[in-house]
Amino acid sequence: MDRLFDHTLMLERRQRALAAAQPGADFLLRRVAEDMADRLMVVERRFEHPVQVHGGLALAAQMMMATGKTAAFDHVDLCPLPGLDPGATKLASPDHVPLKPESADLIVSPLALHATNDTPGVLVQMRRALRPDGLLLAATPGAGTLGELRESLLAAESELTGGASARVHPFADIRDYGALLQRAGFTLPVTDVESVTVRYADMFGLLRDLRAMGMTSFLVNRSRVPVGRSLFLRAAQIYAERFSDPDGRIRASFSIIHLSGWAPHESQQKPLRPGSARTRLADALRTPERKLPR
């Protein structure tokens, strides 16, 4: 398996962000956690063995517990989570889900799947860890996220050096995640996308927030060549020229893909077999049936 992400560097940047925690830096994860808790509210059951798998903070678990729909969460993450006892979190890389088979009835993954090197394998591990009729709820940045920053950095580096390096992570499309849920064996898979736009005075405000979230690049094939301040100054100019509002503030886009799927169980709805219908569509529509020409 080719590695796209350097999880050792990811851990270093996560720990640095947690050690210098900035008020409000959790705004995106908080927004996603609220959305995930709202989605859980419509599920007509309570979950007694929930687990949050990665996410960096315990916000999603806390908000879901506040709905009354879950018992206390267990946690799997890259490093100990703030606000929890150090031993309360099973430590693992984003590519591993160290849970026993059929040990959880709810798995929650907030803003974590995009950092996996083996997303299909991680989803399979989650499905195996779920009890029959257990639920997966996940949210992950998708295609289009930070598109303005990507374009501005590429344009500036190409202009100044004649070449360009990847400085913003790639993000998968919603259709890819839907296919991966089915491939991993989840039933009743659902995916949808929400666009979140955040405005800043300039590009450097966005970069400060990404650093405070521990979300700056940890690509394996990132450029090791030091870049001068001129690159970022030019990128900031391009960003302002192409992606600013009339008041001069710039836009940063986050495309959040929500995923849900169930571990198979005999009680779940199943599609009818082809040819098993007892009523003709023409009769239901009260129209003559016309055979198509061959």
C-alpha atoms as a PDB file:
ATOM      1  CA  MET A   1       0.000   0.000   0.000  1.00  0.00           C
ATOM      2  CA  ASP A   2       1.402   3.367  -1.038  1.00  0.00           C
ATOM      3  CA  ARG A   3       1.332   5.887   1.796  1.00  0.00           C
ATOM      4  CA  LEU A   4      -0.139   9.255   1.004  1.00  0.00           C
ATOM      5  CA  PHE A   5      -0.001  10.680   4.530  1.00  0.00           C
ATOM      6  CA  ASP A   6       2.800  10.803   7.099  1.00  0.00           C
ATOM      7  CA  HIS A   7       1.005   9.912  10.336  1.00  0.00           C
ATOM      8  CA  THR A   8       4.097  10.557  12.457  1.00  0.00           C
ATOM      9  CA  LEU A   9       4.111  14.147  11.235  1.00  0.00           C
ATOM     10  CA  MET A  10       0.333  14.283  11.707  1.00  0.00           C
ATOM     11  CA  LEU A  11       0.806  13.305  15.348  1.00  0.00           C
ATOM     12  CA  GLU A  12       3.467  15.991  15.848  1.00  0.00           C
ATOM     13  CA  ARG A  13       1.200  18.666  14.400  1.00  0.00           C
ATOM     14  CA  ARG A  14      -1.802  17.463  16.381  1.00  0.00           C
ATOM     15  CA  GLN A  15       0.181  17.544  19.638  1.00  0.00           C
ATOM     16  CA  ARG A  16       1.543  21.004  18.840  1.00  0.00           C
ATOM     17  CA  ALA A  17      -1.966  22.286  18.178  1.00  0.00           C
ATOM     18  CA  LEU A  18      -3.316  20.778  21.407  1.00  0.00           C
ATOM     19  CA  ALA A  19      -0.419  22.165  23.462  1.00  0.00           C
ATOM     20  CA  ALA A  20      -1.076  25.691  22.169  1.00  0.00           C
ATOM     21  CA  ALA A  21      -4.864  25.419  21.982  1.00  0.00           C
ATOM     22  CA  GLN A  22      -6.447  28.564  20.556  1.00  0.00           C
ATOM     23  CA  PRO A  23      -9.977  29.592  21.596  1.00  0.00           C
ATOM     24  CA  GLY A  24     -12.373  28.989  18.718  1.00  0.00           C
ATOM     25  CA  ALA A  25      -9.944  26.881  16.684  1.00  0.00           C
ATOM     26  CA  ASP A  26     -12.354  23.948  17.027  1.00  0.00           C
ATOM     27  CA  PHE A  27     -15.095  25.803  15.100  1.00  0.00           C
ATOM     28  CA  LEU A  28     -15.211  23.371  12.172  1.00  0.00           C
ATOM     29  CA  LEU A  29     -15.177  20.229  14.291  1.00  0.00           C
ATOM     30  CA  ARG A  30     -17.793  21.772  16.587  1.00  0.00           C
ATOM     31  CA  ARG A  31     -20.027  22.538  13.597  1.00  0.00           C
ATOM     32  CA  VAL A  32     -19.648  18.978  12.318  1.00  0.00           C
ATOM     33  CA  ALA A  33     -20.258  17.495  15.780  1.00  0.00           C
ATOM     34  CA  GLU A  34     -23.511  19.449  16.087  1.00  0.00           C
ATOM     35  CA  ASP A  35     -24.650  18.201  12.677  1.00  0.00           C
ATOM     36  CA  MET A  36     -23.806  14.606  13.554  1.00  0.00           C
ATOM     37  CA  ALA A  37     -25.702  14.835  16.844  1.00  0.00           C
ATOM     38  CA  ASP A  38     -28.731  16.180  14.971  1.00  0.00           C
ATOM     39  CA  ARG A  39     -28.575  13.221  12.590  1.00  0.00           C
ATOM     40  CA  LEU A  40     -28.419  10.801  15.494  1.00  0.00           C
ATOM     41  CA  MET A  41     -31.548  12.372  16.989  1.00  0.00           C
ATOM     42  CA  VAL A  42     -33.737  10.981  14.190  1.00  0.00           C
ATOM     43  CA  VAL A  43     -32.601   7.381  14.805  1.00  0.00           C
ATOM     44  CA  GLU A  44     -35.290   5.648  16.848  1.00  0.00           C
ATOM     45  CA  ARG A  45     -33.083   3.714  19.234  1.00  0.00           C
ATOM     46  CA  ARG A  46     -30.476   4.122  21.964  1.00  0.00           C
ATOM     47  CA  PHE A  47     -26.880   2.928  21.629  1.00  0.00           C
ATOM     48  CA  GLU A  48     -25.238   1.322  24.655  1.00  0.00           C
ATOM     49  CA  HIS A  49     -21.776   0.617  23.203  1.00  0.00           C
ATOM     50  CA  PRO A  50     -20.721   3.694  21.199  1.00  0.00           C
ATOM     51  CA  VAL A  51     -17.153   4.434  20.090  1.00  0.00           C
ATOM     52  CA  GLN A  52     -15.657   7.582  18.594  1.00  0.00           C
ATOM     53  CA  VAL A  53     -12.890   6.602  16.195  1.00  0.00           C
ATOM     54  CA  HIS A  54     -10.418   9.467  15.664  1.00  0.00           C
ATOM     55  CA  GLY A  55     -11.425  13.102  15.338  1.00  0.00           C
ATOM     56  CA  GLY A  56      -8.874  14.852  17.564  1.00  0.00           C
ATOM     57  CA  LEU A  57     -11.368  16.096  20.170  1.00  0.00           C
ATOM     58  CA  ALA A  58     -14.248  14.459  22.023  1.00  0.00           C
ATOM     59  CA  LEU A  59     -16.813  17.016  20.845  1.00  0.00           C
ATOM     60  CA  ALA A  60     -18.887  14.651  18.682  1.00  0.00           C
ATOM     61  CA  ALA A  61     -19.142  12.068  21.468  1.00  0.00           C
ATOM     62  CA  GLN A  62     -20.068  14.723  24.025  1.00  0.00           C
ATOM     63  CA  MET A  63     -22.811  16.204  21.866  1.00  0.00           C
ATOM     64  CA  MET A  64     -24.242  12.803  21.018  1.00  0.00           C
ATOM     65  CA  MET A  65     -24.332  11.817  24.691  1.00  0.00           C
ATOM     66  CA  ALA A  66     -26.216  15.062  25.388  1.00  0.00           C
ATOM     67  CA  THR A  67     -29.037  13.876  23.092  1.00  0.00           C
ATOM     68  CA  GLY A  68     -29.776  10.982  25.453  1.00  0.00           C
ATOM     69  CA  LYS A  69     -29.390   8.542  22.567  1.00  0.00           C
ATOM     70  CA  THR A  70     -26.106   6.996  23.749  1.00  0.00           C
ATOM     71  CA  ALA A  71     -24.282   5.710  26.776  1.00  0.00           C
ATOM     72  CA  ALA A  72     -20.730   6.941  27.498  1.00  0.00           C
ATOM     73  CA  PHE A  73     -18.323   6.637  24.564  1.00  0.00           C
ATOM     74  CA  ASP A  74     -15.088   4.725  24.280  1.00  0.00           C
ATOM     75  CA  HIS A  75     -12.426   6.461  22.186  1.00  0.00           C
ATOM     76  CA  VAL A  76      -9.793   5.516  19.619  1.00  0.00           C
ATOM     77  CA  ASP A  77      -7.433   8.278  18.513  1.00  0.00           C
ATOM     78  CA  LEU A  78      -3.931   9.257  17.513  1.00  0.00           C
ATOM     79  CA  CYS A  79      -3.113  10.746  20.935  1.00  0.00           C
ATOM     80  CA  PRO A  80      -4.896  11.264  24.286  1.00  0.00           C
ATOM     81  CA  LEU A  81      -7.875  13.602  24.014  1.00  0.00           C
ATOM     82  CA  PRO A  82      -8.232  16.768  26.099  1.00  0.00           C
ATOM     83  CA  GLY A  83     -10.727  16.447  28.917  1.00  0.00           C
ATOM     84  CA  LEU A  84     -10.437  12.655  29.149  1.00  0.00           C
ATOM     85  CA  ASP A  85      -8.272  10.528  31.406  1.00  0.00           C
ATOM     86  CA  PRO A  86      -5.027   9.721  29.540  1.00  0.00           C
ATOM     87  CA  GLY A  87      -5.797   6.001  29.694  1.00  0.00           C
ATOM     88  CA  ALA A  88      -9.356   6.416  28.401  1.00  0.00           C
ATOM     89  CA  THR A  89      -8.278   6.495  24.742  1.00  0.00           C
ATOM     90  CA  LYS A  90      -6.954   3.533  22.743  1.00  0.00           C
ATOM     91  CA  LEU A  91      -4.061   4.905  20.713  1.00  0.00           C
ATOM     92  CA  ALA A  92      -3.827   3.975  17.047  1.00  0.00           C
ATOM     93  CA  SER A  93      -2.910   5.457  13.687  1.00  0.00           C
ATOM     94  CA  PRO A  94      -5.773   6.619  11.436  1.00  0.00           C
ATOM     95  CA  ASP A  95      -5.373   3.409   9.410  1.00  0.00           C
ATOM     96  CA  HIS A  96      -6.201   1.125  12.345  1.00  0.00           C
ATOM     97  CA  VAL A  97      -9.398   0.511  14.304  1.00  0.00           C
ATOM     98  CA  PRO A  98      -8.313  -1.605  17.317  1.00  0.00           C
ATOM     99  CA  LEU A  99     -11.792  -2.812  18.291  1.00  0.00           C
ATOM    100  CA  LYS A 100     -12.939  -6.391  18.799  1.00  0.00           C
ATOM    101  CA  PRO A 101     -15.360  -7.818  16.238  1.00  0.00           C
ATOM    102  CA  GLU A 102     -18.996  -6.938  16.965  1.00  0.00           C
ATOM    103  CA  SER A 103     -18.041  -4.922  20.051  1.00  0.00           C
ATOM    104  CA  ALA A 104     -19.746  -1.601  19.204  1.00  0.00           C
ATOM    105  CA  ASP A 105     -23.297  -0.715  18.233  1.00  0.00           C
ATOM    106  CA  LEU A 106     -22.400   2.836  17.120  1.00  0.00           C
ATOM    107  CA  ILE A 107     -19.160   4.099  15.571  1.00  0.00           C
ATOM    108  CA  VAL A 108     -18.671   7.818  15.044  1.00  0.00           C
ATOM    109  CA  SER A 109     -15.884   9.247  12.872  1.00  0.00           C
ATOM    110  CA  PRO A 110     -15.734  13.085  12.771  1.00  0.00           C
ATOM    111  CA  LEU A 111     -13.314  14.659  10.255  1.00  0.00           C
ATOM    112  CA  ALA A 112     -10.919  11.713  10.176  1.00  0.00           C
ATOM    113  CA  LEU A 113     -11.413   9.488   7.111  1.00  0.00           C
ATOM    114  CA  HIS A 114      -9.696  11.981   4.785  1.00  0.00           C
ATOM    115  CA  ALA A 115      -6.386  11.362   6.598  1.00  0.00           C
ATOM    116  CA  THR A 116      -6.317   7.588   6.078  1.00  0.00           C
ATOM    117  CA  ASN A 117      -3.926   5.855   3.707  1.00  0.00           C
ATOM    118  CA  ASP A 118      -6.281   2.874   3.365  1.00  0.00           C
ATOM    119  CA  THR A 119      -9.821   4.239   3.512  1.00  0.00           C
ATOM    120  CA  PRO A 120     -11.451   1.023   2.184  1.00  0.00           C
ATOM    121  CA  GLY A 121      -9.594  -1.006   4.825  1.00  0.00           C
ATOM    122  CA  VAL A 122     -10.595   1.387   7.621  1.00  0.00           C
ATOM    123  CA  LEU A 123     -14.265   1.161   6.639  1.00  0.00           C
ATOM    124  CA  VAL A 124     -14.040  -2.637   6.593  1.00  0.00           C
ATOM    125  CA  GLN A 125     -12.497  -2.578  10.088  1.00  0.00           C
ATOM    126  CA  MET A 126     -15.329  -0.357  11.313  1.00  0.00           C
ATOM    127  CA  ARG A 127     -17.994  -2.600   9.812  1.00  0.00           C
ATOM    128  CA  ARG A 128     -16.439  -5.680  11.434  1.00  0.00           C
ATOM    129  CA  ALA A 129     -16.310  -3.898  14.799  1.00  0.00           C
ATOM    130  CA  LEU A 130     -20.041  -3.166  14.632  1.00  0.00           C
ATOM    131  CA  ARG A 131     -22.643  -5.524  15.996  1.00  0.00           C
ATOM    132  CA  PRO A 132     -25.342  -6.645  13.567  1.00  0.00           C
ATOM    133  CA  ASP A 133     -27.621  -3.659  12.924  1.00  0.00           C
ATOM    134  CA  GLY A 134     -24.949  -1.325  14.324  1.00  0.00           C
ATOM    135  CA  LEU A 135     -24.626   2.162  12.865  1.00  0.00           C
ATOM    136  CA  LEU A 136     -21.703   4.111  11.391  1.00  0.00           C
ATOM    137  CA  LEU A 137     -21.933   7.907  11.313  1.00  0.00           C
ATOM    138  CA  ALA A 138     -19.003   9.727   9.734  1.00  0.00           C
ATOM    139  CA  ALA A 139     -18.193  13.157   8.375  1.00  0.00           C
ATOM    140  CA  THR A 140     -15.166  14.001   6.277  1.00  0.00           C
ATOM    141  CA  PRO A 141     -13.879  16.874   4.129  1.00  0.00           C
ATOM    142  CA  GLY A 142     -14.580  16.169   0.474  1.00  0.00           C
ATOM    143  CA  ALA A 143     -13.657  17.416  -2.972  1.00  0.00           C
ATOM    144  CA  GLY A 144     -13.683  21.208  -3.144  1.00  0.00           C
ATOM    145  CA  THR A 145     -12.417  21.710   0.401  1.00  0.00           C
ATOM    146  CA  LEU A 146      -9.830  24.518   0.517  1.00  0.00           C
ATOM    147  CA  GLY A 147     -10.017  24.775  -3.257  1.00  0.00           C
ATOM    148  CA  GLU A 148      -9.288  28.494  -3.151  1.00  0.00           C
ATOM    149  CA  LEU A 149      -6.124  27.961  -1.099  1.00  0.00           C
ATOM    150  CA  ARG A 150      -4.970  25.154  -3.381  1.00  0.00           C
ATOM    151  CA  GLU A 151      -5.415  27.257  -6.515  1.00  0.00           C
ATOM    152  CA  SER A 152      -3.714  30.308  -5.027  1.00  0.00           C
ATOM    153  CA  LEU A 153      -0.646  28.407  -3.816  1.00  0.00           C
ATOM    154  CA  LEU A 154      -0.265  26.516  -7.109  1.00  0.00           C
ATOM    155  CA  ALA A 155      -0.572  29.709  -9.148  1.00  0.00           C
ATOM    156  CA  ALA A 156       1.926  31.596  -6.989  1.00  0.00           C
ATOM    157  CA  GLU A 157       4.533  28.822  -6.984  1.00  0.00           C
ATOM    158  CA  SER A 158       4.190  28.242 -10.724  1.00  0.00           C
ATOM    159  CA  GLU A 159       4.621  31.958 -11.355  1.00  0.00           C
ATOM    160  CA  LEU A 160       7.681  32.337  -9.101  1.00  0.00           C
ATOM    161  CA  THR A 161       9.516  29.056  -9.749  1.00  0.00           C
ATOM    162  CA  GLY A 162       8.077  27.580 -12.940  1.00  0.00           C
ATOM    163  CA  GLY A 163       6.846  24.505 -11.055  1.00  0.00           C
ATOM    164  CA  ALA A 164       4.465  23.600  -8.283  1.00  0.00           C
ATOM    165  CA  SER A 165       4.214  21.166  -5.356  1.00  0.00           C
ATOM    166  CA  ALA A 166       1.136  19.784  -3.634  1.00  0.00           C
ATOM    167  CA  ARG A 167       0.610  21.839  -0.474  1.00  0.00           C
ATOM    168  CA  VAL A 168      -3.067  21.086   0.175  1.00  0.00           C
ATOM    169  CA  HIS A 169      -4.344  17.558   0.773  1.00  0.00           C
ATOM    170  CA  PRO A 170      -6.391  15.818  -1.938  1.00  0.00           C
ATOM    171  CA  PHE A 171     -10.014  15.119  -0.981  1.00  0.00           C
ATOM    172  CA  ALA A 172     -12.271  12.366  -2.336  1.00  0.00           C
ATOM    173  CA  ASP A 173     -15.609  12.882  -4.060  1.00  0.00           C
ATOM    174  CA  ILE A 174     -18.962  12.021  -2.465  1.00  0.00           C
ATOM    175  CA  ARG A 175     -19.510   9.270  -5.062  1.00  0.00           C
ATOM    176  CA  ASP A 176     -16.257   7.622  -4.017  1.00  0.00           C
ATOM    177  CA  TYR A 177     -17.362   7.443  -0.393  1.00  0.00           C
ATOM    178  CA  GLY A 178     -20.754   6.029  -1.338  1.00  0.00           C
ATOM    179  CA  ALA A 179     -19.074   3.273  -3.332  1.00  0.00           C
ATOM    180  CA  LEU A 180     -16.632   2.564  -0.494  1.00  0.00           C
ATOM    181  CA  LEU A 181     -19.474   2.112   2.009  1.00  0.00           C
ATOM    182  CA  GLN A 182     -21.042  -0.524  -0.217  1.00  0.00           C
ATOM    183  CA  ARG A 183     -17.696  -2.176  -0.893  1.00  0.00           C
ATOM    184  CA  ALA A 184     -17.047  -2.407   2.871  1.00  0.00           C
ATOM    185  CA  GLY A 185     -20.318  -4.292   3.363  1.00  0.00           C
ATOM    186  CA  PHE A 186     -22.532  -1.604   4.869  1.00  0.00           C
ATOM    187  CA  THR A 187     -26.244  -1.794   4.165  1.00  0.00           C
ATOM    188  CA  LEU A 188     -28.624   1.134   3.591  1.00  0.00           C
ATOM    189  CA  PRO A 189     -25.693   3.489   2.840  1.00  0.00           C
ATOM    190  CA  VAL A 190     -26.454   7.205   2.650  1.00  0.00           C
ATOM    191  CA  THR A 191     -24.140  10.074   1.695  1.00  0.00           C
ATOM    192  CA  ASP A 192     -24.820  13.779   1.405  1.00  0.00           C
ATOM    193  CA  VAL A 193     -22.705  16.904   1.289  1.00  0.00           C
ATOM    194  CA  GLU A 194     -22.867  20.264   3.030  1.00  0.00           C
ATOM    195  CA  SER A 195     -20.905  23.331   1.951  1.00  0.00           C
ATOM    196  CA  VAL A 196     -19.462  25.527   4.684  1.00  0.00           C
ATOM    197  CA  THR A 197     -17.920  28.887   3.781  1.00  0.00           C
ATOM    198  CA  VAL A 198     -15.687  30.702   6.275  1.00  0.00           C
ATOM    199  CA  ARG A 199     -14.488  34.271   5.669  1.00  0.00           C
ATOM    200  CA  TYR A 200     -11.165  35.774   6.677  1.00  0.00           C
ATOM    201  CA  ALA A 201      -9.435  39.130   6.474  1.00  0.00           C
ATOM    202  CA  ASP A 202      -6.648  37.480   4.460  1.00  0.00           C
ATOM    203  CA  MET A 203      -5.069  34.127   3.613  1.00  0.00           C
ATOM    204  CA  PHE A 204      -2.791  34.268   6.649  1.00  0.00           C
ATOM    205  CA  GLY A 205      -5.812  34.167   8.960  1.00  0.00           C
ATOM    206  CA  LEU A 206      -6.885  30.919   7.291  1.00  0.00           C
ATOM    207  CA  LEU A 207      -3.386  29.458   7.621  1.00  0.00           C
ATOM    208  CA  ARG A 208      -3.325  30.321  11.343  1.00  0.00           C
ATOM    209  CA  ASP A 209      -6.622  28.492  11.859  1.00  0.00           C
ATOM    210  CA  LEU A 210      -5.425  25.422   9.936  1.00  0.00           C
ATOM    211  CA  ARG A 211      -2.271  25.344  12.068  1.00  0.00           C
ATOM    212  CA  ALA A 212      -4.344  25.688  15.256  1.00  0.00           C
ATOM    213  CA  MET A 213      -6.482  22.745  14.131  1.00  0.00           C
ATOM    214  CA  GLY A 214      -3.419  20.598  13.366  1.00  0.00           C
ATOM    215  CA  MET A 215      -4.626  20.446   9.759  1.00  0.00           C
ATOM    216  CA  THR A 216      -1.596  21.735   7.879  1.00  0.00           C
ATOM    217  CA  SER A 217      -0.115  19.386   5.286  1.00  0.00           C
ATOM    218  CA  PHE A 218       1.402  16.068   6.327  1.00  0.00           C
ATOM    219  CA  LEU A 219       1.697  14.589   2.837  1.00  0.00           C
ATOM    220  CA  VAL A 220       4.452  12.006   2.420  1.00  0.00           C
ATOM    221  CA  ASN A 221       5.481  13.533  -0.915  1.00  0.00           C
ATOM    222  CA  ARG A 222       5.418  17.132   0.299  1.00  0.00           C
ATOM    223  CA  SER A 223       8.175  19.401  -0.948  1.00  0.00           C
ATOM    224  CA  ARG A 224      11.235  19.514   1.352  1.00  0.00           C
ATOM    225  CA  VAL A 225      12.599  22.616  -0.373  1.00  0.00           C
ATOM    226  CA  PRO A 226      12.340  25.641   1.934  1.00  0.00           C
ATOM    227  CA  VAL A 227      10.156  28.384   0.496  1.00  0.00           C
ATOM    228  CA  GLY A 228      10.517  32.069   1.160  1.00  0.00           C
ATOM    229  CA  ARG A 229       7.892  34.440   2.417  1.00  0.00           C
ATOM    230  CA  SER A 230       7.550  35.738  -1.133  1.00  0.00           C
ATOM    231  CA  LEU A 231       5.587  32.623  -2.137  1.00  0.00           C
ATOM    232  CA  PHE A 232       2.970  33.131   0.556  1.00  0.00           C
ATOM    233  CA  LEU A 233       2.780  36.882  -0.029  1.00  0.00           C
ATOM    234  CA  ARG A 234       2.118  36.301  -3.738  1.00  0.00           C
ATOM    235  CA  ALA A 235      -0.379  33.520  -2.951  1.00  0.00           C
ATOM    236  CA  ALA A 236      -2.208  35.871  -0.581  1.00  0.00           C
ATOM    237  CA  GLN A 237      -2.413  38.481  -3.368  1.00  0.00           C
ATOM    238  CA  ILE A 238      -3.812  35.924  -5.828  1.00  0.00           C
ATOM    239  CA  TYR A 239      -6.260  34.673  -3.199  1.00  0.00           C
ATOM    240  CA  ALA A 240      -7.553  38.207  -2.624  1.00  0.00           C
ATOM    241  CA  GLU A 241      -7.819  38.887  -6.357  1.00  0.00           C
ATOM    242  CA  ARG A 242      -9.774  35.730  -7.158  1.00  0.00           C
ATOM    243  CA  PHE A 243     -11.745  34.846  -4.039  1.00  0.00           C
ATOM    244  CA  SER A 244     -12.661  38.004  -2.143  1.00  0.00           C
ATOM    245  CA  ASP A 245     -16.106  39.466  -1.469  1.00  0.00           C
ATOM    246  CA  PRO A 246     -16.998  43.134  -2.115  1.00  0.00           C
ATOM    247  CA  ASP A 247     -15.983  44.004   1.449  1.00  0.00           C
ATOM    248  CA  GLY A 248     -12.466  42.670   0.803  1.00  0.00           C
ATOM    249  CA  ARG A 249     -12.720  39.540   2.972  1.00  0.00           C
ATOM    250  CA  ILE A 250     -11.718  36.230   1.389  1.00  0.00           C
ATOM    251  CA  ARG A 251     -13.703  32.979   1.275  1.00  0.00           C
ATOM    252  CA  ALA A 252     -12.509  29.528   2.360  1.00  0.00           C
ATOM    253  CA  SER A 253     -14.680  26.570   1.348  1.00  0.00           C
ATOM    254  CA  PHE A 254     -15.124  23.347   3.284  1.00  0.00           C
ATOM    255  CA  SER A 255     -17.174  20.599   1.628  1.00  0.00           C
ATOM    256  CA  ILE A 256     -18.320  18.236   4.399  1.00  0.00           C
ATOM    257  CA  ILE A 257     -19.483  14.789   3.298  1.00  0.00           C
ATOM    258  CA  HIS A 258     -21.742  12.976   5.767  1.00  0.00           C
ATOM    259  CA  LEU A 259     -21.869   9.187   5.583  1.00  0.00           C
ATOM    260  CA  SER A 260     -24.044   6.616   7.296  1.00  0.00           C
ATOM    261  CA  GLY A 261     -24.375   2.879   6.965  1.00  0.00           C
ATOM    262  CA  TRP A 262     -25.520  -0.138   8.955  1.00  0.00           C
ATOM    263  CA  ALA A 263     -23.908  -3.468   9.710  1.00  0.00           C
ATOM    264  CA  PRO A 264     -26.053  -6.143   8.026  1.00  0.00           C
ATOM    265  CA  HIS A 265     -28.957  -7.672   9.968  1.00  0.00           C
ATOM    266  CA  GLU A 266     -31.867  -9.853   8.892  1.00  0.00           C
ATOM    267  CA  SER A 267     -34.419  -7.303  10.148  1.00  0.00           C
ATOM    268  CA  GLN A 268     -33.303  -4.612   7.689  1.00  0.00           C
ATOM    269  CA  GLN A 269     -35.207  -3.682   4.557  1.00  0.00           C
ATOM    270  CA  LYS A 270     -34.179  -5.609   1.473  1.00  0.00           C
ATOM    271  CA  PRO A 271     -34.889  -4.824  -2.188  1.00  0.00           C
ATOM    272  CA  LEU A 272     -37.449  -7.017  -3.946  1.00  0.00           C
ATOM    273  CA  ARG A 273     -36.192  -9.613  -6.399  1.00  0.00           C
ATOM    274  CA  PRO A 274     -36.424  -8.567 -10.059  1.00  0.00           C
ATOM    275  CA  GLY A 275     -39.694  -9.826 -11.522  1.00  0.00           C
ATOM    276  CA  SER A 276     -41.423 -10.247  -8.148  1.00  0.00           C
ATOM    277  CA  ALA A 277     -43.812  -7.297  -8.565  1.00  0.00           C
ATOM    278  CA  ARG A 278     -47.514  -8.213  -8.443  1.00  0.00           C
ATOM    279  CA  THR A 279     -48.869  -4.989  -9.944  1.00  0.00           C
ATOM    280  CA  ARG A 280     -48.071  -3.563 -13.349  1.00  0.00           C
ATOM    281  CA  LEU A 281     -46.847   0.024 -13.478  1.00  0.00           C
ATOM    282  CA  ALA A 282     -49.272   0.719 -16.329  1.00  0.00           C
ATOM    283  CA  ASP A 283     -52.199  -0.309 -14.122  1.00  0.00           C
ATOM    284  CA  ALA A 284     -51.012   1.924 -11.280  1.00  0.00           C
ATOM    285  CA  LEU A 285     -50.728   4.874 -13.686  1.00  0.00           C
ATOM    286  CA  ARG A 286     -54.018   3.961 -15.423  1.00  0.00           C
ATOM    287  CA  THR A 287     -52.428   4.149 -18.847  1.00  0.00           C
ATOM    288  CA  PRO A 288     -52.213   1.664 -21.743  1.00  0.00           C
ATOM    289  CA  GLU A 289     -49.085  -0.451 -21.752  1.00  0.00           C
ATOM    290  CA  ARG A 290     -46.935   0.062 -24.832  1.00  0.00           C
ATOM    291  CA  LYS A 291     -44.094  -2.261 -25.702  1.00  0.00           C
ATOM    292  CA  LEU A 292     -40.881  -0.582 -26.805  1.00  0.00           C
ATOM    293  CA  PRO A 293     -39.585  -1.433 -30.273  1.00  0.00           C
ATOM    294  CA  ARG A 294     -36.665  -3.826 -30.318  1.00  0.00           C
END
